[in-house]
Amino acid sequence: MNLHLTDQVCFIAGSSRGIGRAIAATLLAEGARIVLTGRDEASLERTTRELATADTSRRILPIAGDFGDAATIAAAFTRTVEHFGQIDHLIANLGTGAGKPGWDQPDAEWQRLFELNFFASTRLTQAVLPHLLKNASDTEAQSRGSILYISSIVAVEATPAPLPYSAAKAALVNYSKNLARQLGPERIRVNTVAPGNILFPGGTWERRVESSPDGVQAMLKAEVPQRRFGTPDEIASFAAYLCSPQAGFATGGCFVMDGGQTRSL
């Protein structure tokens, strides 16, 4: 399917590996111009080399930095506009589920996980919106752009994940839905994807598989009707669709991709 994303500028926060990298590769294959970002310069450089070809290299802009930091965000958006002329889509793939289990969570842990999983994305949003609002939109059907958040099924389901992480991802879903209502008249779409268990090199599930392969297989068999992990490419395909004009009537949605694991929706 042609998603009609040729030369659209997509800023993917958190795209040096895993889901973010797959989203970047998919958008690049659709003809988009992409901004690759990440904290680890070596990982970012490696991803840039892997994705760059004679055809795609001119459509890739790598920017390293901590994208929870307001000054870094502002500088990155300025550089993007100077390089590509505009920003059409923000994909916020930020956060971590690493934390302690149980109900006894100190204030510092709540603050840390909300900062990484919620406030970093809202900070990105506040900074990108002036750029999206400058984009032309001549008809009611023409979008000025879109914002896509990568959340998690912990936002919509009871799981063993750390409580602050789950609450922060749930806050992100609620923020997305309310923001979509406010930005609808401005023809900016806002959506969220909530992945389930996604396996990729260097990810949390790879480490769990290595430490307890039988336990992981038992979990998949008991909790996931498809009895398998998802892949970054599966999330990326849907993410690219949500950014595209093919999904022009989709806004305010939280789209779960988890092999059937959630029961509450």
Protein backbone atom coordinates (compact mmCIF):
# COMPACT_ATOMS: atom_id res chain seq x y z
CA MET A 1 0.00 0.00 0.00
CA ASN A 2 1.25 3.48 -0.86
CA LEU A 3 0.83 5.49 2.34
CA HIS A 4 1.48 8.80 0.56
CA LEU A 5 4.23 9.81 2.97
CA THR A 6 6.79 10.80 0.33
CA ASP A 7 8.94 13.70 1.61
CA GLN A 8 6.89 14.05 4.79
CA VAL A 9 9.20 14.94 7.70
CA CYS A 10 8.92 12.50 10.61
CA PHE A 11 10.71 13.19 13.89
CA ILE A 12 11.07 9.89 15.75
CA ALA A 13 12.13 10.39 19.37
CA GLY A 14 13.88 7.24 20.57
CA SER A 15 14.75 5.64 17.24
CA SER A 16 18.24 4.18 17.54
CA ARG A 17 16.94 0.67 18.33
CA GLY A 18 13.90 -1.50 18.89
CA ILE A 19 10.42 -0.20 18.05
CA GLY A 20 11.62 3.32 17.26
CA ARG A 21 14.24 2.05 14.83
CA ALA A 22 11.66 -0.12 13.08
CA ILE A 23 9.28 2.84 12.75
CA ALA A 24 12.08 4.92 11.26
CA ALA A 25 12.97 2.20 8.76
CA THR A 26 9.33 1.75 7.72
CA LEU A 27 8.76 5.48 7.25
CA LEU A 28 11.98 5.73 5.27
CA ALA A 29 10.83 2.89 3.00
CA GLU A 30 7.60 4.83 2.43
CA GLY A 31 9.61 7.78 1.09
CA ALA A 32 9.49 9.96 4.20
CA ARG A 33 12.32 12.12 5.46
CA ILE A 34 13.22 11.07 8.98
CA VAL A 35 15.00 12.41 12.04
CA LEU A 36 16.73 9.64 13.97
CA THR A 37 17.34 10.36 17.65
CA GLY A 38 18.84 8.71 20.70
CA ARG A 39 21.00 9.28 23.74
CA ASP A 40 23.69 6.78 22.75
CA GLU A 41 25.74 8.31 19.94
CA ALA A 42 27.36 4.99 18.99
CA SER A 43 23.98 3.28 18.65
CA LEU A 44 22.61 6.22 16.69
CA GLU A 45 25.57 6.21 14.32
CA ARG A 46 25.21 2.46 13.78
CA THR A 47 21.51 2.77 12.98
CA THR A 48 22.17 5.63 10.59
CA ARG A 49 24.77 3.57 8.74
CA GLU A 50 22.44 0.57 8.55
CA LEU A 51 19.52 2.58 7.15
CA ALA A 52 21.48 4.84 4.80
CA THR A 53 21.71 3.88 1.13
CA ALA A 54 22.41 5.86 -2.01
CA ASP A 55 18.66 6.51 -2.19
CA THR A 56 17.91 7.18 1.49
CA SER A 57 20.96 8.95 2.93
CA ARG A 58 19.73 12.43 1.96
CA ARG A 59 16.46 11.71 3.80
CA ILE A 60 18.06 10.86 7.16
CA LEU A 61 19.05 13.40 9.81
CA PRO A 62 20.57 11.90 13.00
CA ILE A 63 20.47 14.00 16.17
CA ALA A 64 21.92 12.69 19.43
CA GLY A 65 20.83 13.91 22.85
CA ASP A 66 18.59 13.52 25.87
CA PHE A 67 15.10 14.19 24.51
CA GLY A 68 13.62 14.64 27.94
CA ASP A 69 15.55 17.92 28.15
CA ALA A 70 13.72 21.06 26.96
CA ALA A 71 16.81 22.76 25.54
CA THR A 72 17.82 19.64 23.60
CA ILE A 73 14.30 19.32 22.19
CA ALA A 74 14.14 22.96 21.08
CA ALA A 75 17.56 22.77 19.42
CA ALA A 76 16.64 19.52 17.67
CA PHE A 77 13.41 20.91 16.24
CA THR A 78 15.20 24.05 15.08
CA ARG A 79 17.85 21.95 13.37
CA THR A 80 15.18 19.76 11.76
CA VAL A 81 13.36 22.77 10.28
CA GLU A 82 16.64 24.28 9.07
CA HIS A 83 17.56 20.99 7.40
CA PHE A 84 14.22 19.76 6.02
CA GLY A 85 12.13 22.94 6.05
CA GLN A 86 9.32 21.67 8.29
CA ILE A 87 8.07 18.94 10.65
CA ASP A 88 4.99 16.92 9.72
CA HIS A 89 4.86 14.12 12.28
CA LEU A 90 6.14 13.52 15.80
CA ILE A 91 6.52 9.94 16.97
CA ALA A 92 7.27 9.92 20.70
CA ASN A 93 8.81 6.57 21.58
CA LEU A 94 10.19 7.40 25.00
CA GLY A 95 10.32 5.71 28.37
CA THR A 96 11.35 2.68 30.35
CA GLY A 97 9.60 0.07 32.45
CA ALA A 98 12.66 -0.66 34.56
CA GLY A 99 11.70 -0.26 38.20
CA LYS A 100 10.97 -2.03 41.46
CA PRO A 101 7.86 -4.22 41.94
CA GLY A 102 5.32 -3.85 44.72
CA TRP A 103 3.18 -1.12 46.24
CA ASP A 104 5.89 0.51 48.38
CA GLN A 105 7.21 3.04 45.89
CA PRO A 106 9.25 6.04 47.10
CA ASP A 107 8.50 9.52 45.77
CA ALA A 108 11.74 9.54 43.81
CA GLU A 109 10.67 6.45 41.87
CA TRP A 110 7.30 7.97 40.99
CA GLN A 111 9.04 11.13 39.84
CA ARG A 112 11.65 9.23 37.82
CA LEU A 113 9.22 7.03 35.93
CA PHE A 114 6.70 9.82 35.31
CA GLU A 115 9.50 12.00 33.99
CA LEU A 116 10.70 9.33 31.55
CA ASN A 117 7.32 7.93 30.51
CA PHE A 118 5.02 10.96 30.61
CA PHE A 119 6.63 14.37 30.99
CA ALA A 120 9.30 13.75 28.36
CA SER A 121 6.54 13.17 25.79
CA THR A 122 4.46 16.16 26.86
CA ARG A 123 7.56 18.33 26.68
CA LEU A 124 8.18 17.15 23.12
CA THR A 125 4.56 17.89 22.28
CA GLN A 126 4.62 21.42 23.63
CA ALA A 127 7.72 22.16 21.58
CA VAL A 128 6.57 20.60 18.30
CA LEU A 129 3.07 22.06 18.13
CA PRO A 130 4.12 25.56 16.99
CA HIS A 131 5.90 23.88 14.06
CA LEU A 132 2.90 21.71 13.13
CA LEU A 133 0.54 24.67 13.34
CA LYS A 134 2.62 26.48 10.71
CA ASN A 135 1.99 23.74 8.15
CA ALA A 136 -0.45 24.55 5.36
CA SER A 137 -3.94 23.08 5.55
CA ASP A 138 -6.10 24.38 2.74
CA THR A 139 -9.11 22.10 3.14
CA GLU A 140 -11.01 20.51 6.00
CA ALA A 141 -9.71 17.11 4.97
CA GLN A 142 -6.06 18.16 4.76
CA SER A 143 -4.05 17.47 7.89
CA ARG A 144 -1.37 19.74 9.29
CA GLY A 145 0.37 16.67 10.66
CA SER A 146 0.13 14.15 13.45
CA ILE A 147 1.48 13.11 16.82
CA LEU A 148 1.86 9.47 17.74
CA TYR A 149 2.76 8.21 21.22
CA ILE A 150 4.13 4.76 21.93
CA SER A 151 2.60 3.67 25.23
CA SER A 152 2.13 0.09 26.49
CA ILE A 153 -0.58 -2.36 27.42
CA VAL A 154 0.30 -1.61 31.06
CA ALA A 155 -1.70 1.60 30.50
CA VAL A 156 -4.93 -0.31 29.97
CA GLU A 157 -4.49 -3.61 31.82
CA ALA A 158 -3.50 -4.85 35.28
CA THR A 159 -0.01 -6.37 34.96
CA PRO A 160 2.99 -7.06 37.23
CA ALA A 161 4.75 -3.96 35.82
CA PRO A 162 5.96 -1.30 38.30
CA LEU A 163 3.04 0.85 39.47
CA PRO A 164 4.62 4.23 38.59
CA TYR A 165 5.40 3.01 35.08
CA SER A 166 1.85 1.74 34.54
CA ALA A 167 0.33 4.95 35.88
CA ALA A 168 2.59 7.14 33.73
CA LYS A 169 1.71 5.23 30.55
CA ALA A 170 -2.00 5.46 31.45
CA ALA A 171 -1.60 9.21 31.91
CA LEU A 172 -0.04 9.41 28.45
CA VAL A 173 -3.05 7.67 26.89
CA ASN A 174 -5.46 10.05 28.64
CA TYR A 175 -3.36 13.07 27.63
CA SER A 176 -3.39 11.86 24.01
CA LYS A 177 -7.16 11.48 23.89
CA ASN A 178 -7.83 14.89 25.40
CA LEU A 179 -5.18 16.56 23.24
CA ALA A 180 -6.81 15.05 20.14
CA ARG A 181 -10.07 16.81 21.00
CA GLN A 182 -8.31 20.14 21.39
CA LEU A 183 -6.27 19.81 18.20
CA GLY A 184 -8.99 18.35 16.00
CA PRO A 185 -10.19 21.78 14.81
CA GLU A 186 -6.57 22.59 13.93
CA ARG A 187 -6.44 19.45 11.75
CA ILE A 188 -3.65 17.84 13.78
CA ARG A 189 -4.28 14.19 14.61
CA VAL A 190 -3.15 12.56 17.87
CA ASN A 191 -3.04 8.82 18.53
CA THR A 192 -1.39 6.22 20.75
CA VAL A 193 -0.19 2.70 20.10
CA ALA A 194 -0.06 0.38 23.12
CA PRO A 195 2.21 -2.58 22.32
CA GLY A 196 2.31 -5.79 24.27
CA ASN A 197 5.40 -7.98 24.59
CA ILE A 198 7.83 -7.03 21.83
CA LEU A 199 11.09 -8.93 21.37
CA PHE A 200 14.15 -7.21 19.89
CA PRO A 201 17.94 -7.29 20.40
CA GLY A 202 19.01 -5.51 23.57
CA GLY A 203 15.46 -5.25 24.86
CA THR A 204 13.98 -6.29 28.20
CA TRP A 205 12.37 -9.43 26.83
CA GLU A 206 15.63 -10.63 25.29
CA ARG A 207 17.22 -10.51 28.74
CA ARG A 208 14.27 -12.33 30.30
CA VAL A 209 14.38 -15.04 27.65
CA GLU A 210 18.07 -15.55 28.32
CA SER A 211 17.61 -15.78 32.09
CA SER A 212 14.37 -17.84 32.16
CA PRO A 213 13.38 -19.31 28.79
CA ASP A 214 10.93 -21.83 30.26
CA GLY A 215 9.27 -19.19 32.43
CA VAL A 216 8.85 -16.83 29.49
CA GLN A 217 7.34 -19.55 27.31
CA ALA A 218 4.94 -20.45 30.11
CA MET A 219 3.88 -16.79 30.38
CA LEU A 220 3.27 -16.51 26.63
CA LYS A 221 1.23 -19.72 26.64
CA ALA A 222 -0.88 -18.62 29.61
CA GLU A 223 -1.33 -14.91 28.84
CA VAL A 224 -1.06 -14.34 25.08
CA PRO A 225 -3.59 -16.13 22.85
CA GLN A 226 -1.18 -15.99 19.88
CA ARG A 227 1.47 -17.56 22.15
CA ARG A 228 4.31 -15.48 20.80
CA PHE A 229 6.10 -12.16 21.03
CA GLY A 230 5.30 -9.28 18.73
CA THR A 231 7.97 -7.80 16.48
CA PRO A 232 9.08 -4.18 16.11
CA ASP A 233 8.16 -4.35 12.41
CA GLU A 234 4.56 -5.21 13.26
CA ILE A 235 4.28 -2.14 15.48
CA ALA A 236 6.08 -0.01 12.89
CA SER A 237 3.71 -0.93 10.06
CA PHE A 238 0.72 0.24 12.06
CA ALA A 239 2.52 3.34 13.31
CA ALA A 240 3.35 4.37 9.74
CA TYR A 241 -0.28 3.86 8.75
CA LEU A 242 -1.47 6.10 11.60
CA CYS A 243 0.87 8.86 10.44
CA SER A 244 -0.40 8.62 6.87
CA PRO A 245 -3.37 10.34 5.20
CA GLN A 246 -4.85 6.85 4.81
CA ALA A 247 -5.71 7.16 8.53
CA GLY A 248 -7.07 10.68 8.12
CA PHE A 249 -10.20 10.03 10.24
CA ALA A 250 -8.25 8.36 13.06
CA THR A 251 -7.57 10.62 16.02
CA GLY A 252 -7.92 10.24 19.77
CA GLY A 253 -7.42 6.50 19.55
CA CYS A 254 -5.42 4.10 21.68
CA PHE A 255 -4.66 1.08 19.51
CA VAL A 256 -3.63 -2.07 21.36
CA MET A 257 -1.29 -4.52 19.61
CA ASP A 258 -0.62 -7.41 21.97
CA GLY A 259 -1.59 -10.73 20.38
CA GLY A 260 -4.85 -10.73 22.32
CA GLN A 261 -3.32 -10.41 25.79
CA THR A 262 -5.51 -7.64 27.20
CA ARG A 263 -8.89 -8.60 28.58
CA SER A 264 -10.30 -5.28 29.79
CA LEU A 265 -10.94 -3.60 26.40
